[in-house]
Amino acid sequence: MLDIAEVAERTGLAPSALRFYEKKGLVEPSGRNGLRRTYAPEVLARLELINCARRAGFSIAEISRFLVATPGDTALRARMAEKVQELDEDIARLQRMRESLDHASTCTHEPLVECPDFKRKLAP
């Protein structure tokens, strides 16, 4: 069993975030060690999923639904398909920015943001 401080340390989350996720039903403690919550080691994988979903822009409510979804949940599946499209657009935008910044890191054009190659790499 892992106590709340150890889970917080391993995940980079504040204990208050773990308590918040617990309150929202996203994670469940296994018990207590004195006054401290304890968690099964499997909570680390679940928290990684939650953190990844949060970074991808899912709300707590959406994550909560996702964690209990079944193949028959057509509305949620449709939302997931929409999110795939949004993520693809984000990835393309970030790749353009990465390529532009990579170019700018060695470019001698002044100012850097007016470099035609920089602009071309950034354009959709």
N, C-alpha and C. Protein backbone atom coordinates (compact mmCIF):
# COMPACT_ATOMS: atom_id res chain seq x y z
N MET A 1 0.84 -1.18 0.00
CA MET A 1 0.00 0.00 0.00
C MET A 1 0.88 1.25 0.00
N LEU A 2 0.39 2.28 -0.62
CA LEU A 2 1.10 3.56 -0.70
C LEU A 2 0.31 4.60 0.07
N ASP A 3 0.99 5.37 0.89
CA ASP A 3 0.25 6.43 1.58
C ASP A 3 0.16 7.65 0.66
N ILE A 4 -0.69 8.58 1.04
CA ILE A 4 -1.00 9.71 0.17
C ILE A 4 0.25 10.53 -0.17
N ALA A 5 1.18 10.64 0.75
CA ALA A 5 2.41 11.40 0.48
C ALA A 5 3.25 10.70 -0.59
N GLU A 6 3.31 9.37 -0.53
CA GLU A 6 4.09 8.63 -1.51
C GLU A 6 3.44 8.71 -2.90
N VAL A 7 2.11 8.62 -2.95
CA VAL A 7 1.42 8.75 -4.22
C VAL A 7 1.64 10.16 -4.78
N ALA A 8 1.55 11.15 -3.93
CA ALA A 8 1.77 12.53 -4.36
C ALA A 8 3.18 12.69 -4.92
N GLU A 9 4.15 12.14 -4.24
CA GLU A 9 5.54 12.25 -4.69
C GLU A 9 5.75 11.55 -6.02
N ARG A 10 5.21 10.36 -6.16
CA ARG A 10 5.40 9.58 -7.40
C ARG A 10 4.69 10.18 -8.60
N THR A 11 3.57 10.85 -8.36
CA THR A 11 2.79 11.38 -9.47
C THR A 11 3.03 12.86 -9.73
N GLY A 12 3.64 13.55 -8.76
CA GLY A 12 3.84 14.98 -8.90
C GLY A 12 2.59 15.78 -8.58
N LEU A 13 1.58 15.11 -8.05
CA LEU A 13 0.34 15.79 -7.67
C LEU A 13 0.39 16.19 -6.20
N ALA A 14 -0.27 17.26 -5.89
CA ALA A 14 -0.39 17.67 -4.49
C ALA A 14 -1.38 16.74 -3.79
N PRO A 15 -1.17 16.48 -2.50
CA PRO A 15 -2.15 15.67 -1.76
C PRO A 15 -3.57 16.24 -1.87
N SER A 16 -3.68 17.56 -1.95
CA SER A 16 -5.01 18.16 -2.10
C SER A 16 -5.65 17.75 -3.43
N ALA A 17 -4.85 17.58 -4.49
CA ALA A 17 -5.39 17.12 -5.77
C ALA A 17 -5.89 15.69 -5.64
N LEU A 18 -5.16 14.86 -4.91
CA LEU A 18 -5.60 13.48 -4.69
C LEU A 18 -6.92 13.44 -3.92
N ARG A 19 -7.03 14.29 -2.91
CA ARG A 19 -8.28 14.35 -2.15
C ARG A 19 -9.42 14.87 -3.03
N PHE A 20 -9.12 15.83 -3.90
CA PHE A 20 -10.12 16.35 -4.83
C PHE A 20 -10.58 15.24 -5.78
N TYR A 21 -9.63 14.50 -6.35
CA TYR A 21 -9.99 13.40 -7.24
C TYR A 21 -10.82 12.35 -6.52
N GLU A 22 -10.48 12.13 -5.26
CA GLU A 22 -11.27 11.19 -4.46
C GLU A 22 -12.70 11.71 -4.28
N LYS A 23 -12.82 12.97 -3.96
CA LYS A 23 -14.15 13.58 -3.75
C LYS A 23 -14.99 13.49 -5.01
N LYS A 24 -14.34 13.61 -6.18
CA LYS A 24 -15.04 13.54 -7.46
C LYS A 24 -15.27 12.10 -7.93
N GLY A 25 -14.77 11.13 -7.17
CA GLY A 25 -14.98 9.73 -7.51
C GLY A 25 -14.03 9.16 -8.55
N LEU A 26 -12.93 9.86 -8.82
CA LEU A 26 -11.98 9.39 -9.82
C LEU A 26 -11.00 8.35 -9.26
N VAL A 27 -10.69 8.47 -7.99
CA VAL A 27 -9.84 7.49 -7.31
C VAL A 27 -10.47 7.15 -5.98
N GLU A 28 -10.06 6.01 -5.47
CA GLU A 28 -10.61 5.56 -4.19
C GLU A 28 -9.47 5.05 -3.31
N PRO A 29 -9.36 5.55 -2.09
CA PRO A 29 -8.32 5.03 -1.21
C PRO A 29 -8.66 3.61 -0.79
N SER A 30 -7.63 2.88 -0.46
CA SER A 30 -7.83 1.50 0.01
C SER A 30 -8.11 1.45 1.50
N GLY A 31 -7.70 2.48 2.18
CA GLY A 31 -7.89 2.52 3.63
C GLY A 31 -7.11 3.66 4.23
N ARG A 32 -6.74 3.46 5.47
CA ARG A 32 -5.98 4.49 6.19
C ARG A 32 -4.87 3.84 6.99
N ASN A 33 -3.82 4.60 7.14
CA ASN A 33 -2.71 4.24 8.01
C ASN A 33 -2.64 5.38 9.01
N GLY A 34 -3.29 5.19 10.15
CA GLY A 34 -3.47 6.30 11.08
C GLY A 34 -4.45 7.27 10.47
N LEU A 35 -4.03 8.51 10.31
CA LEU A 35 -4.90 9.52 9.71
C LEU A 35 -4.66 9.68 8.21
N ARG A 36 -3.66 8.98 7.68
CA ARG A 36 -3.30 9.14 6.27
C ARG A 36 -4.01 8.14 5.38
N ARG A 37 -4.50 8.61 4.26
CA ARG A 37 -5.10 7.74 3.27
C ARG A 37 -4.03 6.83 2.69
N THR A 38 -4.43 5.61 2.35
CA THR A 38 -3.54 4.70 1.64
C THR A 38 -4.21 4.28 0.35
N TYR A 39 -3.38 3.96 -0.64
CA TYR A 39 -3.87 3.58 -1.96
C TYR A 39 -3.16 2.32 -2.42
N ALA A 40 -3.87 1.54 -3.22
CA ALA A 40 -3.26 0.38 -3.87
C ALA A 40 -2.31 0.91 -4.94
N PRO A 41 -1.25 0.18 -5.24
CA PRO A 41 -0.29 0.64 -6.26
C PRO A 41 -0.93 0.91 -7.63
N GLU A 42 -2.05 0.26 -7.93
CA GLU A 42 -2.72 0.46 -9.21
C GLU A 42 -3.22 1.89 -9.40
N VAL A 43 -3.33 2.64 -8.30
CA VAL A 43 -3.80 4.02 -8.41
C VAL A 43 -2.84 4.86 -9.24
N LEU A 44 -1.58 4.48 -9.29
CA LEU A 44 -0.60 5.25 -10.06
C LEU A 44 -0.95 5.25 -11.55
N ALA A 45 -1.33 4.09 -12.08
CA ALA A 45 -1.71 4.01 -13.49
C ALA A 45 -2.99 4.81 -13.75
N ARG A 46 -3.93 4.73 -12.83
CA ARG A 46 -5.19 5.48 -12.99
C ARG A 46 -4.92 6.97 -12.97
N LEU A 47 -4.04 7.42 -12.08
CA LEU A 47 -3.70 8.84 -12.01
C LEU A 47 -2.96 9.29 -13.26
N GLU A 48 -2.15 8.43 -13.84
CA GLU A 48 -1.48 8.76 -15.09
C GLU A 48 -2.51 8.97 -16.20
N LEU A 49 -3.51 8.10 -16.24
CA LEU A 49 -4.60 8.26 -17.21
C LEU A 49 -5.34 9.57 -16.98
N ILE A 50 -5.66 9.86 -15.74
CA ILE A 50 -6.37 11.10 -15.40
C ILE A 50 -5.52 12.31 -15.80
N ASN A 51 -4.24 12.30 -15.45
CA ASN A 51 -3.37 13.43 -15.79
C ASN A 51 -3.23 13.61 -17.29
N CYS A 52 -3.11 12.51 -18.01
CA CYS A 52 -3.01 12.59 -19.47
C CYS A 52 -4.30 13.18 -20.05
N ALA A 53 -5.44 12.71 -19.56
CA ALA A 53 -6.72 13.23 -20.04
C ALA A 53 -6.87 14.72 -19.70
N ARG A 54 -6.44 15.12 -18.52
CA ARG A 54 -6.51 16.55 -18.13
C ARG A 54 -5.65 17.39 -19.07
N ARG A 55 -4.43 16.92 -19.36
CA ARG A 55 -3.54 17.65 -20.26
C ARG A 55 -4.10 17.72 -21.67
N ALA A 56 -4.90 16.73 -22.03
CA ALA A 56 -5.52 16.70 -23.36
C ALA A 56 -6.77 17.57 -23.41
N GLY A 57 -7.17 18.12 -22.27
CA GLY A 57 -8.28 19.05 -22.25
C GLY A 57 -9.61 18.49 -21.79
N PHE A 58 -9.61 17.25 -21.30
CA PHE A 58 -10.85 16.69 -20.78
C PHE A 58 -11.18 17.31 -19.43
N SER A 59 -12.45 17.55 -19.20
CA SER A 59 -12.90 18.06 -17.90
C SER A 59 -12.96 16.91 -16.90
N ILE A 60 -13.06 17.25 -15.63
CA ILE A 60 -13.20 16.23 -14.59
C ILE A 60 -14.47 15.42 -14.85
N ALA A 61 -15.55 16.07 -15.23
CA ALA A 61 -16.81 15.36 -15.50
C ALA A 61 -16.64 14.39 -16.66
N GLU A 62 -15.94 14.81 -17.71
CA GLU A 62 -15.72 13.92 -18.85
C GLU A 62 -14.85 12.73 -18.46
N ILE A 63 -13.84 12.99 -17.66
CA ILE A 63 -12.97 11.89 -17.21
C ILE A 63 -13.76 10.92 -16.35
N SER A 64 -14.60 11.44 -15.50
CA SER A 64 -15.42 10.59 -14.64
C SER A 64 -16.30 9.67 -15.49
N ARG A 65 -16.91 10.22 -16.52
CA ARG A 65 -17.73 9.39 -17.42
C ARG A 65 -16.88 8.39 -18.17
N PHE A 66 -15.71 8.82 -18.61
CA PHE A 66 -14.81 7.96 -19.37
C PHE A 66 -14.37 6.75 -18.54
N LEU A 67 -14.13 6.96 -17.27
CA LEU A 67 -13.63 5.89 -16.40
C LEU A 67 -14.65 4.78 -16.18
N VAL A 68 -15.93 5.06 -16.42
CA VAL A 68 -16.97 4.04 -16.24
C VAL A 68 -17.67 3.72 -17.55
N ALA A 69 -17.14 4.19 -18.67
CA ALA A 69 -17.79 4.02 -19.96
C ALA A 69 -17.85 2.55 -20.38
N THR A 70 -18.90 2.26 -21.12
CA THR A 70 -19.06 0.94 -21.73
C THR A 70 -19.12 1.14 -23.24
N PRO A 71 -18.93 0.09 -24.01
CA PRO A 71 -19.01 0.23 -25.47
C PRO A 71 -20.35 0.78 -25.95
N GLY A 72 -21.40 0.63 -25.17
CA GLY A 72 -22.71 1.12 -25.57
C GLY A 72 -22.95 2.60 -25.32
N ASP A 73 -22.00 3.29 -24.72
CA ASP A 73 -22.14 4.72 -24.43
C ASP A 73 -21.83 5.52 -25.69
N THR A 74 -22.81 5.62 -26.57
CA THR A 74 -22.59 6.24 -27.87
C THR A 74 -22.28 7.73 -27.78
N ALA A 75 -22.90 8.43 -26.84
CA ALA A 75 -22.63 9.86 -26.70
C ALA A 75 -21.18 10.11 -26.29
N LEU A 76 -20.71 9.32 -25.37
CA LEU A 76 -19.32 9.48 -24.94
C LEU A 76 -18.36 9.09 -26.06
N ARG A 77 -18.68 8.06 -26.79
CA ARG A 77 -17.82 7.65 -27.90
C ARG A 77 -17.76 8.74 -28.96
N ALA A 78 -18.89 9.41 -29.20
CA ALA A 78 -18.90 10.51 -30.16
C ALA A 78 -18.01 11.65 -29.66
N ARG A 79 -18.07 11.93 -28.36
CA ARG A 79 -17.22 12.98 -27.78
C ARG A 79 -15.75 12.60 -27.90
N MET A 80 -15.45 11.32 -27.72
CA MET A 80 -14.07 10.85 -27.87
C MET A 80 -13.59 11.07 -29.31
N ALA A 81 -14.44 10.79 -30.28
CA ALA A 81 -14.08 10.99 -31.68
C ALA A 81 -13.83 12.47 -31.96
N GLU A 82 -14.66 13.35 -31.38
CA GLU A 82 -14.44 14.79 -31.52
C GLU A 82 -13.10 15.18 -30.92
N LYS A 83 -12.80 14.61 -29.77
CA LYS A 83 -11.56 14.94 -29.07
C LYS A 83 -10.35 14.47 -29.88
N VAL A 84 -10.47 13.34 -30.56
CA VAL A 84 -9.38 12.87 -31.42
C VAL A 84 -9.07 13.93 -32.48
N GLN A 85 -10.11 14.49 -33.09
CA GLN A 85 -9.92 15.53 -34.10
C GLN A 85 -9.25 16.77 -33.48
N GLU A 86 -9.70 17.18 -32.31
CA GLU A 86 -9.10 18.33 -31.63
C GLU A 86 -7.63 18.07 -31.32
N LEU A 87 -7.34 16.87 -30.85
CA LEU A 87 -5.95 16.53 -30.52
C LEU A 87 -5.07 16.50 -31.77
N ASP A 88 -5.61 15.97 -32.88
CA ASP A 88 -4.86 15.96 -34.13
C ASP A 88 -4.51 17.39 -34.55
N GLU A 89 -5.46 18.31 -34.40
CA GLU A 89 -5.20 19.71 -34.73
C GLU A 89 -4.16 20.31 -33.80
N ASP A 90 -4.25 20.00 -32.51
CA ASP A 90 -3.26 20.50 -31.54
C ASP A 90 -1.87 19.96 -31.87
N ILE A 91 -1.80 18.68 -32.19
CA ILE A 91 -0.51 18.06 -32.51
C ILE A 91 0.10 18.72 -33.74
N ALA A 92 -0.70 18.94 -34.77
CA ALA A 92 -0.19 19.59 -35.99
C ALA A 92 0.32 21.00 -35.68
N ARG A 93 -0.44 21.74 -34.87
CA ARG A 93 -0.02 23.10 -34.50
C ARG A 93 1.28 23.07 -33.71
N LEU A 94 1.39 22.16 -32.76
CA LEU A 94 2.60 22.05 -31.95
C LEU A 94 3.79 21.60 -32.79
N GLN A 95 3.58 20.72 -33.75
CA GLN A 95 4.68 20.31 -34.62
C GLN A 95 5.18 21.48 -35.47
N ARG A 96 4.23 22.31 -35.96
CA ARG A 96 4.65 23.50 -36.71
C ARG A 96 5.46 24.44 -35.84
N MET A 97 5.01 24.64 -34.61
CA MET A 97 5.74 25.51 -33.69
C MET A 97 7.12 24.94 -33.39
N ARG A 98 7.18 23.64 -33.17
CA ARG A 98 8.47 23.00 -32.89
C ARG A 98 9.44 23.21 -34.06
N GLU A 99 8.97 22.97 -35.28
CA GLU A 99 9.83 23.13 -36.44
C GLU A 99 10.28 24.58 -36.60
N SER A 100 9.38 25.51 -36.34
CA SER A 100 9.73 26.93 -36.44
C SER A 100 10.78 27.31 -35.39
N LEU A 101 10.58 26.85 -34.18
CA LEU A 101 11.54 27.17 -33.12
C LEU A 101 12.89 26.49 -33.37
N ASP A 102 12.86 25.28 -33.89
CA ASP A 102 14.10 24.59 -34.22
C ASP A 102 14.87 25.39 -35.26
N HIS A 103 14.17 25.89 -36.27
CA HIS A 103 14.81 26.72 -37.28
C HIS A 103 15.35 28.02 -36.65
N ALA A 104 14.51 28.67 -35.84
CA ALA A 104 14.91 29.95 -35.24
C ALA A 104 16.12 29.80 -34.34
N SER A 105 16.32 28.63 -33.78
CA SER A 105 17.46 28.46 -32.86
C SER A 105 18.80 28.57 -33.56
N THR A 106 18.82 28.45 -34.89
CA THR A 106 20.08 28.57 -35.63
C THR A 106 20.02 29.63 -36.73
N CYS A 107 18.89 30.30 -36.86
CA CYS A 107 18.68 31.27 -37.93
C CYS A 107 19.45 32.57 -37.63
N THR A 108 19.90 33.23 -38.70
CA THR A 108 20.62 34.51 -38.52
C THR A 108 19.80 35.70 -39.03
N HIS A 109 18.58 35.45 -39.44
CA HIS A 109 17.71 36.51 -39.94
C HIS A 109 17.34 37.46 -38.81
N GLU A 110 17.27 38.76 -39.11
CA GLU A 110 16.87 39.74 -38.09
C GLU A 110 15.64 40.47 -38.55
N PRO A 111 14.61 40.53 -37.75
CA PRO A 111 14.38 39.74 -36.55
C PRO A 111 13.98 38.31 -36.92
N LEU A 112 14.19 37.42 -36.01
CA LEU A 112 13.95 35.99 -36.26
C LEU A 112 12.54 35.70 -36.75
N VAL A 113 11.56 36.38 -36.17
CA VAL A 113 10.17 36.08 -36.53
C VAL A 113 9.81 36.56 -37.94
N GLU A 114 10.67 37.37 -38.56
CA GLU A 114 10.42 37.81 -39.94
C GLU A 114 11.12 36.93 -40.96
N CYS A 115 11.82 35.93 -40.51
CA CYS A 115 12.50 35.01 -41.42
C CYS A 115 11.46 34.27 -42.26
N PRO A 116 11.61 34.28 -43.58
CA PRO A 116 10.64 33.58 -44.43
C PRO A 116 10.53 32.09 -44.12
N ASP A 117 11.64 31.45 -43.80
CA ASP A 117 11.61 30.02 -43.45
C ASP A 117 10.86 29.81 -42.15
N PHE A 118 11.07 30.68 -41.18
CA PHE A 118 10.36 30.60 -39.90
C PHE A 118 8.86 30.70 -40.15
N LYS A 119 8.47 31.71 -40.90
CA LYS A 119 7.06 31.92 -41.19
C LYS A 119 6.44 30.75 -41.96
N ARG A 120 7.19 30.23 -42.92
CA ARG A 120 6.68 29.12 -43.73
C ARG A 120 6.45 27.87 -42.87
N LYS A 121 7.39 27.61 -41.97
CA LYS A 121 7.26 26.43 -41.10
C LYS A 121 6.09 26.57 -40.13
N LEU A 122 5.78 27.79 -39.76
CA LEU A 122 4.71 28.04 -38.78
C LEU A 122 3.32 28.02 -39.43
N ALA A 123 3.28 28.31 -40.72
CA ALA A 123 1.98 28.40 -41.42
C ALA A 123 1.29 27.03 -41.49
N PRO A 124 -0.05 27.05 -41.38
CA PRO A 124 -0.80 25.78 -41.49
C PRO A 124 -0.77 25.20 -42.88
